[in-house]
Amino acid sequence: MRIVSYNVRYFGHATRGIASTRRAVTRIAAAMASLDPLPGILCLQEVETSSLRSTLADAKRHDGETQLARFVDAFHAALAAADRPARYEAYYFPAHTYRLTQKLPIYTTGLAILAHPDFEIAHHNADAPADITHRHLHPIRGLKQTRVCAHVRFRYQGTHPIDVFNTHLSLPSTMTKEFWTSPQRLGFGPNQLEEARNLVRFVDAERSSDRFVVLGDFNALPTSPVYRYLVEERGLVDAFASTRSLDVERLAAFPTAGFMAMRMHLDHVFSGPGLDWLDFRATRAFGDKTSLFHGLSDHSPVIGRCRVRD
């Protein structure tokens, strides 16, 4: 099966995240529809519901239309145009809303998971995604952006269930001494480490077996305490690093995200021992102009293929 993790930056990369655009939605949908084989499970970070930011440059076509629904429609249209008429099931996992008034959200945050029709969803927590936020260090706790973990359990044609956990950790808090004194910051924040611990507690409580994947935008470098906690202390397998035989230094040199001149490896696919990872051939470094996804977000997708271990 093929699993994809992609931070789509609210489909607003062309406007530096200020407003979503229809062109970004259709271009990302077309790029995803051109993957061969198609994703079995597609996990997205930074997806809106409906807000001022998501509709300012891309007006709703009807009341109640969400950004995820817009993407799914564009994705299905791109698949149909390529004579690949698969119909994906989509789930949205809301995280946070910033409101101008009670009825007018400025912008919203959330995660999404799409499943190919061959994959039967046996369980999901879209109605109540797990809150993994660490708020202790924030001076105004109500303003701290909520971070969640999305969870789906699926089966492929009656085979063993597989659990997928999609998440997006906070940036390091500016309220700590480490932020201002450390030469490296992403993944070094105490708040990030606490969120990683919250994440692992949720995964351990919810996974049904060793056949599980934990993926997303961790905002954490491979040299960071967050990464070391997940891999060295908790024993998660870095699927990308293991299939390409990369040590930490070479892994850090493969960027999955960029900001101005900076290039960083922030997006990860971790798994339990019940899955064998075959390849990440479709994964390109951020900035690679040969990528189908070049210029579509400030992240590049991580695209891997795995199978259930006997």
C-alpha atoms as a PDB file:
ATOM      1  CA  MET A   1       0.000   0.000   0.000  1.00  0.00           C
ATOM      2  CA  ARG A   2       1.080   3.600  -0.541  1.00  0.00           C
ATOM      3  CA  ILE A   3       0.777   6.127   2.286  1.00  0.00           C
ATOM      4  CA  VAL A   4       1.277   9.893   1.856  1.00  0.00           C
ATOM      5  CA  SER A   5       1.882  12.650   4.411  1.00  0.00           C
ATOM      6  CA  TYR A   6       1.665  16.239   3.144  1.00  0.00           C
ATOM      7  CA  ASN A   7       1.435  19.661   4.786  1.00  0.00           C
ATOM      8  CA  VAL A   8      -0.552  21.605   2.172  1.00  0.00           C
ATOM      9  CA  ARG A   9      -0.262  25.014   3.897  1.00  0.00           C
ATOM     10  CA  TYR A  10      -4.021  25.636   3.690  1.00  0.00           C
ATOM     11  CA  PHE A  11      -3.725  25.557  -0.134  1.00  0.00           C
ATOM     12  CA  GLY A  12      -2.421  29.115   0.088  1.00  0.00           C
ATOM     13  CA  HIS A  13       1.296  28.865  -0.680  1.00  0.00           C
ATOM     14  CA  ALA A  14       1.065  31.319  -3.596  1.00  0.00           C
ATOM     15  CA  THR A  15      -0.171  34.006  -1.181  1.00  0.00           C
ATOM     16  CA  ARG A  16       2.324  33.021   1.555  1.00  0.00           C
ATOM     17  CA  GLY A  17      -0.516  31.440   3.494  1.00  0.00           C
ATOM     18  CA  ILE A  18      -2.610  34.615   3.655  1.00  0.00           C
ATOM     19  CA  ALA A  19      -5.447  33.199   1.540  1.00  0.00           C
ATOM     20  CA  SER A  20      -6.302  29.885  -0.074  1.00  0.00           C
ATOM     21  CA  THR A  21      -6.618  29.797  -3.863  1.00  0.00           C
ATOM     22  CA  ARG A  22      -8.593  27.569  -6.217  1.00  0.00           C
ATOM     23  CA  ARG A  23      -5.495  27.127  -8.402  1.00  0.00           C
ATOM     24  CA  ALA A  24      -3.533  25.668  -5.479  1.00  0.00           C
ATOM     25  CA  VAL A  25      -6.341  23.223  -4.704  1.00  0.00           C
ATOM     26  CA  THR A  26      -6.574  22.007  -8.305  1.00  0.00           C
ATOM     27  CA  ARG A  27      -2.788  21.783  -8.806  1.00  0.00           C
ATOM     28  CA  ILE A  28      -2.245  19.734  -5.645  1.00  0.00           C
ATOM     29  CA  ALA A  29      -5.216  17.519  -6.536  1.00  0.00           C
ATOM     30  CA  ALA A  30      -3.821  16.945 -10.043  1.00  0.00           C
ATOM     31  CA  ALA A  31      -0.351  16.111  -8.713  1.00  0.00           C
ATOM     32  CA  MET A  32      -1.795  13.632  -6.212  1.00  0.00           C
ATOM     33  CA  ALA A  33      -4.003  12.039  -8.890  1.00  0.00           C
ATOM     34  CA  SER A  34      -0.952  11.446 -11.094  1.00  0.00           C
ATOM     35  CA  LEU A  35       0.802   9.224  -8.534  1.00  0.00           C
ATOM     36  CA  ASP A  36       1.133   5.627  -9.676  1.00  0.00           C
ATOM     37  CA  PRO A  37       0.173   3.646  -7.713  1.00  0.00           C
ATOM     38  CA  LEU A  38      -2.433   5.878  -6.120  1.00  0.00           C
ATOM     39  CA  PRO A  39      -2.279   6.479  -2.371  1.00  0.00           C
ATOM     40  CA  GLY A  40      -4.206   4.038  -0.241  1.00  0.00           C
ATOM     41  CA  ILE A  41      -4.183   6.504   2.654  1.00  0.00           C
ATOM     42  CA  LEU A  42      -3.560  10.234   2.164  1.00  0.00           C
ATOM     43  CA  CYS A  43      -2.837  12.295   5.296  1.00  0.00           C
ATOM     44  CA  LEU A  44      -2.887  16.098   5.114  1.00  0.00           C
ATOM     45  CA  GLN A  45      -1.843  18.757   7.608  1.00  0.00           C
ATOM     46  CA  GLU A  46      -2.905  22.426   7.707  1.00  0.00           C
ATOM     47  CA  VAL A  47      -6.367  22.034   6.242  1.00  0.00           C
ATOM     48  CA  GLU A  48      -9.160  24.518   7.001  1.00  0.00           C
ATOM     49  CA  THR A  49     -12.897  24.115   7.392  1.00  0.00           C
ATOM     50  CA  SER A  50     -14.443  27.410   6.253  1.00  0.00           C
ATOM     51  CA  SER A  51     -13.151  30.856   7.227  1.00  0.00           C
ATOM     52  CA  LEU A  52     -12.194  34.300   5.979  1.00  0.00           C
ATOM     53  CA  ARG A  53      -8.779  33.028   4.903  1.00  0.00           C
ATOM     54  CA  SER A  54     -10.129  29.980   3.058  1.00  0.00           C
ATOM     55  CA  THR A  55     -12.793  31.919   1.106  1.00  0.00           C
ATOM     56  CA  LEU A  56     -11.211  35.359   0.558  1.00  0.00           C
ATOM     57  CA  ALA A  57      -9.701  34.379  -2.815  1.00  0.00           C
ATOM     58  CA  ASP A  58     -11.695  31.176  -3.352  1.00  0.00           C
ATOM     59  CA  ALA A  59     -15.382  31.817  -2.720  1.00  0.00           C
ATOM     60  CA  LYS A  60     -17.632  29.000  -1.569  1.00  0.00           C
ATOM     61  CA  ARG A  61     -19.799  27.519  -4.296  1.00  0.00           C
ATOM     62  CA  HIS A  62     -22.595  26.730  -1.850  1.00  0.00           C
ATOM     63  CA  ASP A  63     -23.396  27.145   1.841  1.00  0.00           C
ATOM     64  CA  GLY A  64     -21.619  24.669   4.051  1.00  0.00           C
ATOM     65  CA  GLU A  65     -18.838  23.872   1.583  1.00  0.00           C
ATOM     66  CA  THR A  66     -15.537  23.225   3.351  1.00  0.00           C
ATOM     67  CA  GLN A  67     -11.989  23.440   2.121  1.00  0.00           C
ATOM     68  CA  LEU A  68     -11.621  19.670   2.354  1.00  0.00           C
ATOM     69  CA  ALA A  69     -14.765  19.161   0.259  1.00  0.00           C
ATOM     70  CA  ARG A  70     -13.309  21.505  -2.357  1.00  0.00           C
ATOM     71  CA  PHE A  71     -10.107  19.483  -2.482  1.00  0.00           C
ATOM     72  CA  VAL A  72     -11.938  16.151  -2.657  1.00  0.00           C
ATOM     73  CA  ASP A  73     -14.054  17.412  -5.570  1.00  0.00           C
ATOM     74  CA  ALA A  74     -10.916  18.591  -7.409  1.00  0.00           C
ATOM     75  CA  PHE A  75      -9.136  15.307  -6.625  1.00  0.00           C
ATOM     76  CA  HIS A  76     -12.012  13.219  -7.955  1.00  0.00           C
ATOM     77  CA  ALA A  77     -12.213  15.401 -11.078  1.00  0.00           C
ATOM     78  CA  ALA A  78      -8.473  14.942 -11.697  1.00  0.00           C
ATOM     79  CA  LEU A  79      -8.810  11.176 -11.233  1.00  0.00           C
ATOM     80  CA  ALA A  80     -11.741  11.033 -13.636  1.00  0.00           C
ATOM     81  CA  ALA A  81      -9.832  13.071 -16.230  1.00  0.00           C
ATOM     82  CA  ALA A  82      -6.970  10.566 -15.964  1.00  0.00           C
ATOM     83  CA  ASP A  83      -9.432   7.666 -16.391  1.00  0.00           C
ATOM     84  CA  ARG A  84      -8.814   6.568 -12.793  1.00  0.00           C
ATOM     85  CA  PRO A  85     -12.297   7.047 -11.315  1.00  0.00           C
ATOM     86  CA  ALA A  86     -11.562   6.122  -7.686  1.00  0.00           C
ATOM     87  CA  ARG A  87     -13.786   7.789  -5.080  1.00  0.00           C
ATOM     88  CA  TYR A  88     -12.000   8.496  -1.805  1.00  0.00           C
ATOM     89  CA  GLU A  89     -13.645   8.711   1.609  1.00  0.00           C
ATOM     90  CA  ALA A  90     -12.519  11.887   3.419  1.00  0.00           C
ATOM     91  CA  TYR A  91     -12.418  12.676   7.139  1.00  0.00           C
ATOM     92  CA  TYR A  92     -11.720  16.060   8.729  1.00  0.00           C
ATOM     93  CA  PHE A  93     -10.219  16.461  12.205  1.00  0.00           C
ATOM     94  CA  PRO A  94     -10.708  20.031  13.549  1.00  0.00           C
ATOM     95  CA  ALA A  95      -8.013  21.497  15.788  1.00  0.00           C
ATOM     96  CA  HIS A  96      -8.439  25.224  16.408  1.00  0.00           C
ATOM     97  CA  THR A  97     -10.454  28.277  15.349  1.00  0.00           C
ATOM     98  CA  TYR A  98      -9.414  31.930  15.530  1.00  0.00           C
ATOM     99  CA  ARG A  99     -12.542  34.114  15.434  1.00  0.00           C
ATOM    100  CA  LEU A 100     -13.081  37.758  14.547  1.00  0.00           C
ATOM    101  CA  THR A 101     -16.662  37.412  15.781  1.00  0.00           C
ATOM    102  CA  GLN A 102     -18.679  34.436  16.949  1.00  0.00           C
ATOM    103  CA  LYS A 103     -19.952  33.858  13.401  1.00  0.00           C
ATOM    104  CA  LEU A 104     -16.832  34.913  11.476  1.00  0.00           C
ATOM    105  CA  PRO A 105     -13.708  32.760  11.887  1.00  0.00           C
ATOM    106  CA  ILE A 106     -10.521  34.438  10.648  1.00  0.00           C
ATOM    107  CA  TYR A 107      -8.950  31.063  10.052  1.00  0.00           C
ATOM    108  CA  THR A 108      -9.224  27.486  11.240  1.00  0.00           C
ATOM    109  CA  THR A 109      -6.737  24.658  11.576  1.00  0.00           C
ATOM    110  CA  GLY A 110      -7.100  20.924  11.235  1.00  0.00           C
ATOM    111  CA  LEU A 111      -5.994  17.635   9.724  1.00  0.00           C
ATOM    112  CA  ALA A 112      -7.500  15.425   7.044  1.00  0.00           C
ATOM    113  CA  ILE A 113      -7.274  11.766   6.046  1.00  0.00           C
ATOM    114  CA  LEU A 114      -8.512  10.367   2.729  1.00  0.00           C
ATOM    115  CA  ALA A 115      -8.926   6.632   2.144  1.00  0.00           C
ATOM    116  CA  HIS A 116      -8.977   4.806  -1.201  1.00  0.00           C
ATOM    117  CA  PRO A 117     -12.195   2.791  -1.748  1.00  0.00           C
ATOM    118  CA  ASP A 118     -10.225  -0.479  -1.406  1.00  0.00           C
ATOM    119  CA  PHE A 119      -9.562   0.426   2.235  1.00  0.00           C
ATOM    120  CA  GLU A 120     -12.428  -0.065   4.655  1.00  0.00           C
ATOM    121  CA  ILE A 121     -12.347   2.381   7.589  1.00  0.00           C
ATOM    122  CA  ALA A 122     -13.176   0.443  10.749  1.00  0.00           C
ATOM    123  CA  HIS A 123     -12.676   3.301  13.232  1.00  0.00           C
ATOM    124  CA  HIS A 124     -11.873   7.031  13.283  1.00  0.00           C
ATOM    125  CA  ASN A 125     -11.839   9.878  15.812  1.00  0.00           C
ATOM    126  CA  ALA A 126     -12.936  12.713  13.494  1.00  0.00           C
ATOM    127  CA  ASP A 127     -15.726  13.643  15.905  1.00  0.00           C
ATOM    128  CA  ALA A 128     -13.260  14.107  18.774  1.00  0.00           C
ATOM    129  CA  PRO A 129      -9.590  14.140  17.681  1.00  0.00           C
ATOM    130  CA  ALA A 130      -7.108  13.676  20.509  1.00  0.00           C
ATOM    131  CA  ASP A 131      -5.822  16.950  22.000  1.00  0.00           C
ATOM    132  CA  ILE A 132      -2.044  16.599  22.486  1.00  0.00           C
ATOM    133  CA  THR A 133      -1.322  20.303  23.123  1.00  0.00           C
ATOM    134  CA  HIS A 134       1.079  21.378  25.858  1.00  0.00           C
ATOM    135  CA  ARG A 135      -0.180  24.717  27.195  1.00  0.00           C
ATOM    136  CA  HIS A 136       1.739  25.078  30.455  1.00  0.00           C
ATOM    137  CA  LEU A 137       4.291  27.548  29.075  1.00  0.00           C
ATOM    138  CA  HIS A 138       1.841  29.796  27.234  1.00  0.00           C
ATOM    139  CA  PRO A 139       0.993  33.031  29.093  1.00  0.00           C
ATOM    140  CA  ILE A 140      -2.559  33.123  27.682  1.00  0.00           C
ATOM    141  CA  ARG A 141      -3.576  29.491  27.539  1.00  0.00           C
ATOM    142  CA  GLY A 142      -6.733  30.174  25.528  1.00  0.00           C
ATOM    143  CA  LEU A 143      -4.715  31.640  22.640  1.00  0.00           C
ATOM    144  CA  LYS A 144      -2.422  28.624  22.302  1.00  0.00           C
ATOM    145  CA  GLN A 145      -3.211  26.846  19.042  1.00  0.00           C
ATOM    146  CA  THR A 146      -4.627  23.402  19.733  1.00  0.00           C
ATOM    147  CA  ARG A 147      -2.667  20.475  18.309  1.00  0.00           C
ATOM    148  CA  VAL A 148      -4.444  17.197  17.689  1.00  0.00           C
ATOM    149  CA  CYS A 149      -3.803  13.651  16.551  1.00  0.00           C
ATOM    150  CA  ALA A 150      -6.104  12.136  13.943  1.00  0.00           C
ATOM    151  CA  HIS A 151      -6.601   8.369  14.032  1.00  0.00           C
ATOM    152  CA  VAL A 152      -8.105   5.933  11.546  1.00  0.00           C
ATOM    153  CA  ARG A 153      -8.067   2.147  11.622  1.00  0.00           C
ATOM    154  CA  PHE A 154      -8.587   0.457   8.288  1.00  0.00           C
ATOM    155  CA  ARG A 155      -8.624  -2.956   6.669  1.00  0.00           C
ATOM    156  CA  TYR A 156      -7.697  -3.909   3.140  1.00  0.00           C
ATOM    157  CA  GLN A 157     -10.120  -6.501   1.757  1.00  0.00           C
ATOM    158  CA  GLY A 158     -10.650  -8.166   5.113  1.00  0.00           C
ATOM    159  CA  THR A 159      -6.965  -8.419   6.070  1.00  0.00           C
ATOM    160  CA  HIS A 160      -5.301  -7.333   9.330  1.00  0.00           C
ATOM    161  CA  PRO A 161      -6.296  -3.889  10.653  1.00  0.00           C
ATOM    162  CA  ILE A 162      -3.724  -1.094  10.380  1.00  0.00           C
ATOM    163  CA  ASP A 163      -3.761   2.065  12.513  1.00  0.00           C
ATOM    164  CA  VAL A 164      -2.720   5.425  11.044  1.00  0.00           C
ATOM    165  CA  PHE A 165      -2.042   8.446  13.259  1.00  0.00           C
ATOM    166  CA  ASN A 166      -1.725  11.860  11.580  1.00  0.00           C
ATOM    167  CA  THR A 167      -0.436  14.831  13.583  1.00  0.00           C
ATOM    168  CA  HIS A 168       1.141  18.292  13.491  1.00  0.00           C
ATOM    169  CA  LEU A 169       3.219  19.329  16.512  1.00  0.00           C
ATOM    170  CA  SER A 170       3.628  22.919  17.736  1.00  0.00           C
ATOM    171  CA  LEU A 171       6.615  25.112  17.023  1.00  0.00           C
ATOM    172  CA  PRO A 172       9.018  25.568  19.955  1.00  0.00           C
ATOM    173  CA  SER A 173       7.732  28.027  22.528  1.00  0.00           C
ATOM    174  CA  THR A 174       9.403  31.451  22.549  1.00  0.00           C
ATOM    175  CA  MET A 175       8.789  31.615  26.322  1.00  0.00           C
ATOM    176  CA  THR A 176      11.772  29.410  27.197  1.00  0.00           C
ATOM    177  CA  LYS A 177      15.462  30.157  27.615  1.00  0.00           C
ATOM    178  CA  GLU A 178      16.342  27.323  25.229  1.00  0.00           C
ATOM    179  CA  PHE A 179      14.613  29.093  22.336  1.00  0.00           C
ATOM    180  CA  TRP A 180      16.926  32.096  22.607  1.00  0.00           C
ATOM    181  CA  THR A 181      20.157  30.323  23.572  1.00  0.00           C
ATOM    182  CA  SER A 182      20.125  27.159  21.431  1.00  0.00           C
ATOM    183  CA  PRO A 183      21.646  27.286  17.923  1.00  0.00           C
ATOM    184  CA  GLN A 184      18.936  24.823  16.842  1.00  0.00           C
ATOM    185  CA  ARG A 185      15.298  25.226  17.777  1.00  0.00           C
ATOM    186  CA  LEU A 186      12.921  22.985  15.840  1.00  0.00           C
ATOM    187  CA  GLY A 187      12.301  19.927  17.982  1.00  0.00           C
ATOM    188  CA  PHE A 188      14.282  21.346  20.885  1.00  0.00           C
ATOM    189  CA  GLY A 189      11.382  23.092  22.641  1.00  0.00           C
ATOM    190  CA  PRO A 190      10.278  21.600  25.985  1.00  0.00           C
ATOM    191  CA  ASN A 191       6.677  22.129  24.861  1.00  0.00           C
ATOM    192  CA  GLN A 192       7.359  20.041  21.745  1.00  0.00           C
ATOM    193  CA  LEU A 193       8.812  17.203  23.773  1.00  0.00           C
ATOM    194  CA  GLU A 194       5.733  17.208  26.019  1.00  0.00           C
ATOM    195  CA  GLU A 195       3.493  17.046  22.949  1.00  0.00           C
ATOM    196  CA  ALA A 196       5.535  14.130  21.609  1.00  0.00           C
ATOM    197  CA  ARG A 197       4.967  12.339  24.936  1.00  0.00           C
ATOM    198  CA  ASN A 198       1.235  13.099  24.744  1.00  0.00           C
ATOM    199  CA  LEU A 199       1.217  11.752  21.195  1.00  0.00           C
ATOM    200  CA  VAL A 200       2.910   8.485  22.152  1.00  0.00           C
ATOM    201  CA  ARG A 201       0.547   7.980  25.090  1.00  0.00           C
ATOM    202  CA  PHE A 202      -2.411   8.331  22.741  1.00  0.00           C
ATOM    203  CA  VAL A 203      -0.896   6.007  20.123  1.00  0.00           C
ATOM    204  CA  ASP A 204      -0.108   3.336  22.719  1.00  0.00           C
ATOM    205  CA  ALA A 205      -3.635   3.529  24.114  1.00  0.00           C
ATOM    206  CA  GLU A 206      -5.404   3.361  20.744  1.00  0.00           C
ATOM    207  CA  ARG A 207      -3.368   1.142  18.417  1.00  0.00           C
ATOM    208  CA  SER A 208      -4.702  -2.362  18.022  1.00  0.00           C
ATOM    209  CA  SER A 209      -1.395  -4.042  17.114  1.00  0.00           C
ATOM    210  CA  ASP A 210       2.203  -3.407  15.993  1.00  0.00           C
ATOM    211  CA  ARG A 211       0.835  -2.576  12.523  1.00  0.00           C
ATOM    212  CA  PHE A 212       0.660   1.198  12.898  1.00  0.00           C
ATOM    213  CA  VAL A 213       1.988   4.412  11.331  1.00  0.00           C
ATOM    214  CA  VAL A 214       2.584   7.767  13.055  1.00  0.00           C
ATOM    215  CA  LEU A 215       3.212  10.523  10.544  1.00  0.00           C
ATOM    216  CA  GLY A 216       2.894  14.238   9.880  1.00  0.00           C
ATOM    217  CA  ASP A 217       4.646  17.557  10.347  1.00  0.00           C
ATOM    218  CA  PHE A 218       6.568  17.209  13.605  1.00  0.00           C
ATOM    219  CA  ASN A 219       8.381  20.569  13.366  1.00  0.00           C
ATOM    220  CA  ALA A 220      11.375  18.593  14.644  1.00  0.00           C
ATOM    221  CA  LEU A 221      14.835  18.074  13.141  1.00  0.00           C
ATOM    222  CA  PRO A 222      16.408  14.583  13.174  1.00  0.00           C
ATOM    223  CA  THR A 223      19.043  15.885  15.618  1.00  0.00           C
ATOM    224  CA  SER A 224      16.415  17.113  18.102  1.00  0.00           C
ATOM    225  CA  PRO A 225      15.255  15.731  21.465  1.00  0.00           C
ATOM    226  CA  VAL A 226      11.776  15.163  19.991  1.00  0.00           C
ATOM    227  CA  TYR A 227      13.157  12.930  17.236  1.00  0.00           C
ATOM    228  CA  ARG A 228      15.486  11.079  19.616  1.00  0.00           C
ATOM    229  CA  TYR A 229      12.625  10.498  22.052  1.00  0.00           C
ATOM    230  CA  LEU A 230      10.421   8.946  19.367  1.00  0.00           C
ATOM    231  CA  VAL A 231      13.124   6.788  17.749  1.00  0.00           C
ATOM    232  CA  GLU A 232      15.668   5.997  20.455  1.00  0.00           C
ATOM    233  CA  GLU A 233      13.535   6.000  23.585  1.00  0.00           C
ATOM    234  CA  ARG A 234      10.165   4.841  22.241  1.00  0.00           C
ATOM    235  CA  GLY A 235      11.522   2.584  19.491  1.00  0.00           C
ATOM    236  CA  LEU A 236       9.534   3.910  16.539  1.00  0.00           C
ATOM    237  CA  VAL A 237      11.006   3.103  13.132  1.00  0.00           C
ATOM    238  CA  ASP A 238      11.834   6.065  10.893  1.00  0.00           C
ATOM    239  CA  ALA A 239      10.562   4.446   7.713  1.00  0.00           C
ATOM    240  CA  PHE A 240      12.184   6.928   5.304  1.00  0.00           C
ATOM    241  CA  ALA A 241      15.601   6.798   6.994  1.00  0.00           C
ATOM    242  CA  SER A 242      15.579   3.005   7.274  1.00  0.00           C
ATOM    243  CA  THR A 243      14.652   2.326   3.627  1.00  0.00           C
ATOM    244  CA  ARG A 244      17.318   4.736   2.384  1.00  0.00           C
ATOM    245  CA  SER A 245      19.910   3.703   5.002  1.00  0.00           C
ATOM    246  CA  LEU A 246      20.391   7.290   6.184  1.00  0.00           C
ATOM    247  CA  ASP A 247      22.105   8.213   9.424  1.00  0.00           C
ATOM    248  CA  VAL A 248      20.915  11.291  11.339  1.00  0.00           C
ATOM    249  CA  GLU A 249      23.310  13.694   9.610  1.00  0.00           C
ATOM    250  CA  ARG A 250      22.368  12.587   6.081  1.00  0.00           C
ATOM    251  CA  LEU A 251      18.696  12.508   7.028  1.00  0.00           C
ATOM    252  CA  ALA A 252      18.936  16.106   8.241  1.00  0.00           C
ATOM    253  CA  ALA A 253      20.482  17.052   4.890  1.00  0.00           C
ATOM    254  CA  PHE A 254      17.341  15.882   3.036  1.00  0.00           C
ATOM    255  CA  PRO A 255      14.885  18.802   3.424  1.00  0.00           C
ATOM    256  CA  THR A 256      11.129  18.293   3.514  1.00  0.00           C
ATOM    257  CA  ALA A 257      10.304  21.958   4.186  1.00  0.00           C
ATOM    258  CA  GLY A 258      11.687  25.400   3.465  1.00  0.00           C
ATOM    259  CA  PHE A 259      11.386  28.965   4.682  1.00  0.00           C
ATOM    260  CA  MET A 260      13.210  31.673   2.749  1.00  0.00           C
ATOM    261  CA  ALA A 261      16.770  30.295   2.372  1.00  0.00           C
ATOM    262  CA  MET A 262      16.388  27.678   5.129  1.00  0.00           C
ATOM    263  CA  ARG A 263      15.902  23.990   4.306  1.00  0.00           C
ATOM    264  CA  MET A 264      14.782  21.586   7.034  1.00  0.00           C
ATOM    265  CA  HIS A 265      13.749  17.949   7.523  1.00  0.00           C
ATOM    266  CA  LEU A 266      10.576  18.315   9.594  1.00  0.00           C
ATOM    267  CA  ASP A 267       8.145  15.760   8.170  1.00  0.00           C
ATOM    268  CA  HIS A 268       8.430  12.153   9.304  1.00  0.00           C
ATOM    269  CA  VAL A 269       6.822   8.751   8.843  1.00  0.00           C
ATOM    270  CA  PHE A 270       7.303   6.511  11.869  1.00  0.00           C
ATOM    271  CA  SER A 271       5.909   3.021  12.259  1.00  0.00           C
ATOM    272  CA  GLY A 272       5.707  -0.045  14.417  1.00  0.00           C
ATOM    273  CA  PRO A 273       7.493  -3.340  13.684  1.00  0.00           C
ATOM    274  CA  GLY A 274       4.428  -4.889  12.045  1.00  0.00           C
ATOM    275  CA  LEU A 275       5.030  -3.106   8.726  1.00  0.00           C
ATOM    276  CA  ASP A 276       7.794  -3.593   6.150  1.00  0.00           C
ATOM    277  CA  TRP A 277       8.681  -0.459   4.170  1.00  0.00           C
ATOM    278  CA  LEU A 278       9.510  -1.027   0.538  1.00  0.00           C
ATOM    279  CA  ASP A 279      10.487   2.360  -0.861  1.00  0.00           C
ATOM    280  CA  PHE A 280      10.058   6.138  -0.855  1.00  0.00           C
ATOM    281  CA  ARG A 281      10.888   6.559  -4.546  1.00  0.00           C
ATOM    282  CA  ALA A 282       8.238   9.236  -5.098  1.00  0.00           C
ATOM    283  CA  THR A 283       9.563  11.395  -2.242  1.00  0.00           C
ATOM    284  CA  ARG A 284      11.559  14.392  -3.444  1.00  0.00           C
ATOM    285  CA  ALA A 285      13.566  16.883  -1.426  1.00  0.00           C
ATOM    286  CA  PHE A 286      11.980  20.274  -0.904  1.00  0.00           C
ATOM    287  CA  GLY A 287      13.123  22.553  -3.727  1.00  0.00           C
ATOM    288  CA  ASP A 288      13.589  19.728  -6.247  1.00  0.00           C
ATOM    289  CA  LYS A 289      12.200  21.223  -9.461  1.00  0.00           C
ATOM    290  CA  THR A 290      11.526  17.778 -10.925  1.00  0.00           C
ATOM    291  CA  SER A 291       8.940  17.065  -8.218  1.00  0.00           C
ATOM    292  CA  LEU A 292       5.263  16.967  -9.137  1.00  0.00           C
ATOM    293  CA  PHE A 293       4.681  19.072  -6.034  1.00  0.00           C
ATOM    294  CA  HIS A 294       7.364  21.716  -6.570  1.00  0.00           C
ATOM    295  CA  GLY A 295       6.149  25.177  -5.570  1.00  0.00           C
ATOM    296  CA  LEU A 296       2.784  23.985  -4.241  1.00  0.00           C
ATOM    297  CA  SER A 297       3.502  24.280  -0.497  1.00  0.00           C
ATOM    298  CA  ASP A 298       6.282  25.152   1.941  1.00  0.00           C
ATOM    299  CA  HIS A 299       6.572  21.389   2.510  1.00  0.00           C
ATOM    300  CA  SER A 300       7.080  18.471   0.171  1.00  0.00           C
ATOM    301  CA  PRO A 301       5.047  15.271   0.609  1.00  0.00           C
ATOM    302  CA  VAL A 302       6.580  12.131   2.090  1.00  0.00           C
ATOM    303  CA  ILE A 303       5.354   9.208  -0.022  1.00  0.00           C
ATOM    304  CA  GLY A 304       6.118   5.630   1.001  1.00  0.00           C
ATOM    305  CA  ARG A 305       5.033   2.091   0.173  1.00  0.00           C
ATOM    306  CA  CYS A 306       4.739  -0.626   2.794  1.00  0.00           C
ATOM    307  CA  ARG A 307       3.253  -4.054   3.326  1.00  0.00           C
ATOM    308  CA  VAL A 308       2.084  -6.003   6.349  1.00  0.00           C
ATOM    309  CA  ARG A 309       4.771  -8.232   7.789  1.00  0.00           C
ATOM    310  CA  ASP A 310       3.907 -11.931   7.844  1.00  0.00           C
END
